[in-house]
N, C-alpha and C. Protein backbone atom coordinates (compact mmCIF):
# COMPACT_ATOMS: atom_id res chain seq x y z
N UNK A 1 4.94 -88.85 -142.38
CA UNK A 1 4.34 -88.04 -141.44
C UNK A 1 5.05 -88.73 -140.00
N UNK A 2 5.29 -87.93 -139.16
CA UNK A 2 6.25 -88.26 -137.87
C UNK A 2 5.15 -88.63 -136.76
N UNK A 3 5.47 -89.85 -136.14
CA UNK A 3 4.68 -90.28 -135.05
C UNK A 3 5.42 -89.73 -133.81
N UNK A 4 4.67 -89.03 -132.77
CA UNK A 4 5.36 -88.54 -131.72
C UNK A 4 5.07 -89.27 -130.48
N UNK A 5 6.06 -89.90 -129.85
CA UNK A 5 5.85 -90.82 -128.90
C UNK A 5 6.14 -90.26 -127.57
N UNK A 6 5.84 -90.89 -126.41
CA UNK A 6 5.87 -90.37 -125.14
C UNK A 6 7.26 -89.88 -124.84
N UNK A 7 8.19 -90.28 -125.32
CA UNK A 7 9.68 -89.83 -125.03
C UNK A 7 9.78 -88.49 -125.50
N UNK A 8 9.21 -88.07 -126.67
CA UNK A 8 9.25 -86.59 -127.07
C UNK A 8 8.76 -85.78 -125.90
N UNK A 9 7.74 -85.99 -125.55
CA UNK A 9 7.06 -84.88 -124.40
C UNK A 9 7.77 -85.12 -123.22
N UNK A 10 8.28 -86.43 -122.70
CA UNK A 10 8.86 -86.36 -121.46
C UNK A 10 10.14 -85.76 -121.39
N UNK A 11 10.75 -85.70 -122.56
CA UNK A 11 12.27 -85.05 -122.47
C UNK A 11 11.95 -83.71 -122.54
N UNK A 12 10.89 -83.09 -123.08
CA UNK A 12 10.67 -81.88 -123.01
C UNK A 12 10.27 -81.18 -121.82
N UNK A 13 9.57 -81.95 -121.10
CA UNK A 13 9.02 -81.84 -120.00
C UNK A 13 10.03 -81.62 -118.87
N UNK A 14 10.94 -82.65 -118.77
CA UNK A 14 12.09 -82.70 -117.72
C UNK A 14 13.40 -81.98 -118.46
N UNK A 15 13.45 -81.70 -119.60
CA UNK A 15 14.56 -80.87 -120.03
C UNK A 15 15.82 -81.69 -119.91
N UNK A 16 15.81 -82.99 -120.09
CA UNK A 16 17.04 -83.82 -120.36
C UNK A 16 16.65 -85.08 -120.77
N UNK A 17 17.66 -85.98 -121.02
CA UNK A 17 18.85 -85.51 -121.50
C UNK A 17 19.00 -84.54 -122.44
N UNK A 18 20.02 -83.69 -122.32
CA UNK A 18 20.20 -82.28 -123.26
C UNK A 18 20.15 -82.56 -124.60
N UNK A 19 20.77 -83.72 -125.18
CA UNK A 19 20.54 -83.94 -126.79
C UNK A 19 19.11 -84.19 -126.99
N UNK A 20 18.67 -85.06 -126.30
CA UNK A 20 17.09 -85.57 -126.55
C UNK A 20 16.22 -84.56 -126.23
N UNK A 21 16.43 -83.57 -125.23
CA UNK A 21 15.54 -82.42 -125.30
C UNK A 21 15.66 -81.57 -126.42
N UNK A 22 16.86 -81.24 -126.84
CA UNK A 22 16.94 -80.51 -128.05
C UNK A 22 16.21 -80.92 -129.26
N UNK A 23 16.37 -82.21 -129.44
CA UNK A 23 15.88 -83.11 -130.55
C UNK A 23 14.10 -82.77 -130.49
N UNK A 24 13.69 -82.93 -129.25
CA UNK A 24 12.21 -82.93 -129.15
C UNK A 24 11.74 -81.56 -128.98
N UNK A 25 12.54 -80.68 -128.78
CA UNK A 25 12.15 -79.23 -128.93
C UNK A 25 11.89 -78.99 -130.41
N UNK A 26 13.08 -79.38 -131.06
CA UNK A 26 13.08 -79.11 -132.56
C UNK A 26 11.81 -79.70 -133.32
N UNK A 27 11.58 -81.12 -132.95
CA UNK A 27 10.44 -81.77 -133.46
C UNK A 27 9.11 -81.03 -133.22
N UNK A 28 8.78 -80.50 -131.86
CA UNK A 28 7.61 -79.90 -131.47
C UNK A 28 7.56 -78.57 -132.13
N UNK A 29 8.66 -77.92 -132.39
CA UNK A 29 8.49 -76.63 -133.07
C UNK A 29 8.23 -76.65 -134.49
N UNK A 30 8.66 -77.89 -135.05
CA UNK A 30 8.33 -77.88 -136.56
C UNK A 30 6.78 -78.11 -136.59
N UNK A 31 6.28 -79.06 -135.59
CA UNK A 31 4.80 -79.27 -135.77
C UNK A 31 4.03 -78.10 -135.37
N UNK A 32 4.69 -77.13 -134.43
CA UNK A 32 3.86 -75.91 -134.36
C UNK A 32 3.73 -75.04 -135.60
N UNK A 33 4.64 -75.23 -136.36
CA UNK A 33 4.75 -74.30 -137.54
C UNK A 33 4.11 -75.11 -138.66
N UNK A 34 3.32 -76.26 -138.41
CA UNK A 34 2.36 -76.76 -139.35
C UNK A 34 3.01 -78.10 -139.87
N UNK A 35 4.06 -78.75 -139.51
CA UNK A 35 4.68 -80.06 -140.06
C UNK A 35 3.40 -81.03 -139.70
N UNK A 36 3.12 -81.97 -140.52
CA UNK A 36 2.20 -83.05 -140.09
C UNK A 36 2.74 -84.07 -139.40
N UNK A 37 1.96 -84.41 -138.13
CA UNK A 37 2.57 -85.24 -137.11
C UNK A 37 1.26 -86.19 -136.76
N UNK A 38 1.58 -87.01 -135.97
CA UNK A 38 0.47 -87.88 -135.15
C UNK A 38 0.97 -88.32 -133.79
N UNK A 39 0.20 -88.39 -133.05
CA UNK A 39 0.19 -89.23 -131.83
C UNK A 39 -0.96 -89.91 -131.67
N UNK A 40 -1.09 -90.66 -130.39
CA UNK A 40 -2.08 -91.36 -130.10
C UNK A 40 -2.57 -91.13 -128.72
N UNK A 41 -3.89 -91.44 -128.38
CA UNK A 41 -4.49 -91.13 -126.95
C UNK A 41 -3.72 -91.86 -125.87
N UNK A 42 -3.21 -93.35 -126.19
CA UNK A 42 -2.40 -94.11 -125.18
C UNK A 42 -1.17 -93.09 -124.79
N UNK A 43 -0.61 -92.61 -125.92
CA UNK A 43 0.78 -91.77 -125.80
C UNK A 43 0.48 -90.53 -124.73
N UNK A 44 -0.78 -89.95 -125.02
CA UNK A 44 -1.10 -88.80 -124.17
C UNK A 44 -1.43 -89.31 -122.73
N UNK A 45 -1.96 -90.59 -122.65
CA UNK A 45 -2.56 -90.98 -121.36
C UNK A 45 -1.02 -91.34 -120.45
N UNK A 46 -0.25 -91.85 -121.29
CA UNK A 46 1.13 -92.25 -120.65
C UNK A 46 1.84 -90.89 -120.12
N UNK A 47 1.78 -89.93 -120.61
CA UNK A 47 2.39 -88.74 -120.30
C UNK A 47 1.65 -88.06 -119.17
N UNK A 48 0.36 -88.07 -119.17
CA UNK A 48 -0.64 -87.83 -117.93
C UNK A 48 -0.18 -88.85 -116.73
N UNK A 49 -0.10 -90.01 -117.02
CA UNK A 49 0.06 -91.03 -115.93
C UNK A 49 1.66 -90.76 -115.36
N UNK A 50 2.58 -90.32 -116.31
CA UNK A 50 3.85 -90.10 -115.74
C UNK A 50 3.94 -88.65 -114.79
N UNK A 51 3.27 -87.88 -115.21
CA UNK A 51 3.10 -86.59 -114.53
C UNK A 51 2.49 -86.72 -113.27
N UNK A 52 1.28 -87.56 -112.98
CA UNK A 52 0.82 -87.97 -111.77
C UNK A 52 1.64 -88.59 -110.89
N UNK A 53 2.21 -89.61 -111.55
CA UNK A 53 3.22 -90.43 -110.76
C UNK A 53 4.57 -89.65 -110.12
N UNK A 54 4.74 -88.75 -110.93
CA UNK A 54 6.04 -87.77 -110.34
C UNK A 54 5.51 -86.31 -109.61
N UNK A 55 4.35 -86.69 -109.28
CA UNK A 55 3.62 -85.45 -108.41
C UNK A 55 3.59 -83.97 -109.04
N UNK A 56 3.28 -84.24 -110.48
CA UNK A 56 3.15 -83.04 -111.16
C UNK A 56 1.87 -82.72 -111.92
N UNK A 57 0.82 -83.15 -111.04
CA UNK A 57 -0.46 -83.12 -111.55
C UNK A 57 -0.94 -81.68 -111.87
N UNK A 58 -0.24 -80.73 -111.33
CA UNK A 58 -0.75 -79.20 -111.77
C UNK A 58 -0.36 -79.05 -113.24
N UNK A 59 0.54 -79.79 -113.79
CA UNK A 59 0.89 -79.62 -115.18
C UNK A 59 0.11 -80.29 -116.24
N UNK A 60 -0.81 -81.13 -115.93
CA UNK A 60 -1.54 -82.09 -116.88
C UNK A 60 -2.34 -80.99 -117.72
N UNK A 61 -3.14 -80.10 -117.07
CA UNK A 61 -3.85 -79.17 -117.92
C UNK A 61 -3.15 -78.56 -119.07
N UNK A 62 -1.91 -77.84 -118.52
CA UNK A 62 -0.87 -77.27 -119.45
C UNK A 62 -0.62 -78.24 -120.51
N UNK A 63 -0.26 -79.26 -120.24
CA UNK A 63 0.05 -80.39 -121.16
C UNK A 63 -1.00 -80.62 -122.13
N UNK A 64 -2.05 -80.72 -121.74
CA UNK A 64 -3.29 -81.06 -122.73
C UNK A 64 -3.59 -79.87 -123.72
N UNK A 65 -3.42 -78.75 -122.98
CA UNK A 65 -3.56 -77.42 -123.90
C UNK A 65 -2.68 -77.57 -124.75
N UNK A 66 -1.29 -77.70 -124.46
CA UNK A 66 -0.38 -77.63 -125.48
C UNK A 66 -0.52 -78.75 -126.55
N UNK A 67 -1.06 -79.86 -126.27
CA UNK A 67 -1.51 -80.97 -127.39
C UNK A 67 -2.27 -80.37 -128.04
N UNK A 68 -3.46 -79.74 -127.53
CA UNK A 68 -4.37 -79.22 -128.19
C UNK A 68 -3.99 -78.22 -129.24
N UNK A 69 -2.97 -77.46 -129.15
CA UNK A 69 -2.50 -76.39 -129.86
C UNK A 69 -1.76 -76.89 -131.00
N UNK A 70 -1.28 -77.92 -130.90
CA UNK A 70 -0.59 -78.49 -132.19
C UNK A 70 -1.82 -78.90 -133.30
N UNK A 71 -1.98 -77.93 -134.04
CA UNK A 71 -3.07 -78.19 -134.93
C UNK A 71 -2.78 -79.18 -136.01
N UNK A 72 -1.54 -79.20 -136.55
CA UNK A 72 -1.18 -80.28 -137.42
C UNK A 72 -0.83 -81.68 -137.02
N UNK A 73 -1.08 -81.74 -135.68
CA UNK A 73 -1.01 -83.15 -135.05
C UNK A 73 -2.19 -83.75 -134.84
N UNK A 74 -2.29 -84.95 -135.59
CA UNK A 74 -3.43 -85.67 -135.33
C UNK A 74 -3.32 -86.48 -134.14
N UNK A 75 -4.57 -86.65 -133.50
CA UNK A 75 -4.47 -87.43 -132.27
C UNK A 75 -5.47 -88.59 -132.36
N UNK A 76 -4.78 -89.60 -132.52
CA UNK A 76 -5.49 -90.74 -132.89
C UNK A 76 -6.06 -91.76 -131.62
N UNK A 77 -7.24 -92.16 -131.92
CA UNK A 77 -7.82 -93.09 -130.90
C UNK A 77 -7.35 -94.61 -131.38
N UNK A 78 -6.77 -95.38 -130.57
CA UNK A 78 -6.40 -96.50 -131.07
C UNK A 78 -7.43 -97.89 -130.80
N UNK A 79 -7.79 -98.69 -131.48
CA UNK A 79 -8.61 -99.69 -131.29
C UNK A 79 -8.02 -100.99 -131.58
N UNK A 80 -8.30 -102.03 -130.97
CA UNK A 80 -7.53 -103.42 -130.89
C UNK A 80 -7.40 -103.83 -132.33
N UNK A 81 -8.23 -103.64 -133.17
CA UNK A 81 -8.02 -104.15 -134.58
C UNK A 81 -6.76 -103.40 -135.47
N UNK A 82 -6.26 -102.17 -134.86
CA UNK A 82 -5.12 -101.41 -135.35
C UNK A 82 -3.86 -102.33 -134.98
N UNK A 83 -3.74 -103.02 -133.75
CA UNK A 83 -2.28 -103.18 -133.47
C UNK A 83 -1.59 -104.27 -134.34
N UNK A 84 -2.22 -105.41 -134.99
CA UNK A 84 -1.67 -106.17 -135.98
C UNK A 84 -1.07 -105.64 -137.03
N UNK A 85 -1.89 -104.45 -137.69
CA UNK A 85 -1.22 -103.62 -138.98
C UNK A 85 -0.37 -102.92 -138.67
N UNK A 86 -0.28 -102.36 -137.33
CA UNK A 86 0.63 -101.52 -136.90
C UNK A 86 2.10 -102.24 -136.82
N UNK A 87 1.86 -103.31 -136.28
CA UNK A 87 3.34 -104.37 -136.15
C UNK A 87 3.77 -104.42 -137.31
N UNK A 88 2.88 -104.86 -138.19
CA UNK A 88 3.32 -105.26 -139.60
C UNK A 88 4.01 -103.84 -140.30
N UNK A 89 3.32 -102.89 -140.06
CA UNK A 89 3.94 -101.50 -140.50
C UNK A 89 5.41 -101.19 -139.96
N UNK A 90 5.69 -101.59 -138.82
CA UNK A 90 6.93 -101.51 -138.06
C UNK A 90 7.93 -102.23 -138.55
N UNK A 91 7.55 -103.58 -138.98
CA UNK A 91 8.38 -104.56 -139.48
C UNK A 91 8.83 -104.22 -140.95
N UNK A 92 8.02 -103.52 -141.73
CA UNK A 92 8.35 -103.08 -142.87
C UNK A 92 9.19 -101.99 -142.80
N UNK A 93 9.07 -101.10 -142.01
CA UNK A 93 9.78 -99.70 -141.71
C UNK A 93 10.76 -99.75 -140.53
N UNK A 94 11.74 -100.83 -140.65
CA UNK A 94 12.61 -100.84 -139.44
C UNK A 94 13.60 -99.72 -139.28
N UNK A 95 13.84 -98.72 -140.22
CA UNK A 95 14.66 -97.81 -140.10
C UNK A 95 14.03 -96.23 -139.59
N UNK A 96 12.96 -96.54 -138.83
CA UNK A 96 12.23 -95.32 -138.31
C UNK A 96 13.10 -94.68 -137.31
N UNK A 97 13.29 -93.51 -137.26
CA UNK A 97 14.25 -92.75 -136.41
C UNK A 97 13.70 -91.61 -135.83
N UNK A 98 14.06 -91.08 -134.36
CA UNK A 98 13.60 -90.08 -133.63
C UNK A 98 14.02 -88.82 -134.40
N UNK A 99 15.18 -88.63 -135.17
CA UNK A 99 15.80 -87.55 -135.84
C UNK A 99 15.24 -87.45 -137.17
N UNK A 100 14.74 -88.31 -137.72
CA UNK A 100 14.49 -88.10 -139.29
C UNK A 100 13.53 -87.15 -139.52
């Protein structure tokens, strides 16, 4: 299952860098078509913070509606007890790639 991080959303919002935008668009298109994916509430909050910082507050609602429309994307609430196991998973899976 793909984890969708902040950069995927930001590249799509700003439309660049071109290659990263295209990869991000493909990832989200596959999720729209039903590919299983996951993101987290901290990721969503980071995108909202980025929009606020860049004076794009009017886009927050559209962003949240878009996130909500990805029915096959699980939105995880993160708790402190999840951090150590997550680091252990990252160490076991060092070959994680954006384009995988």
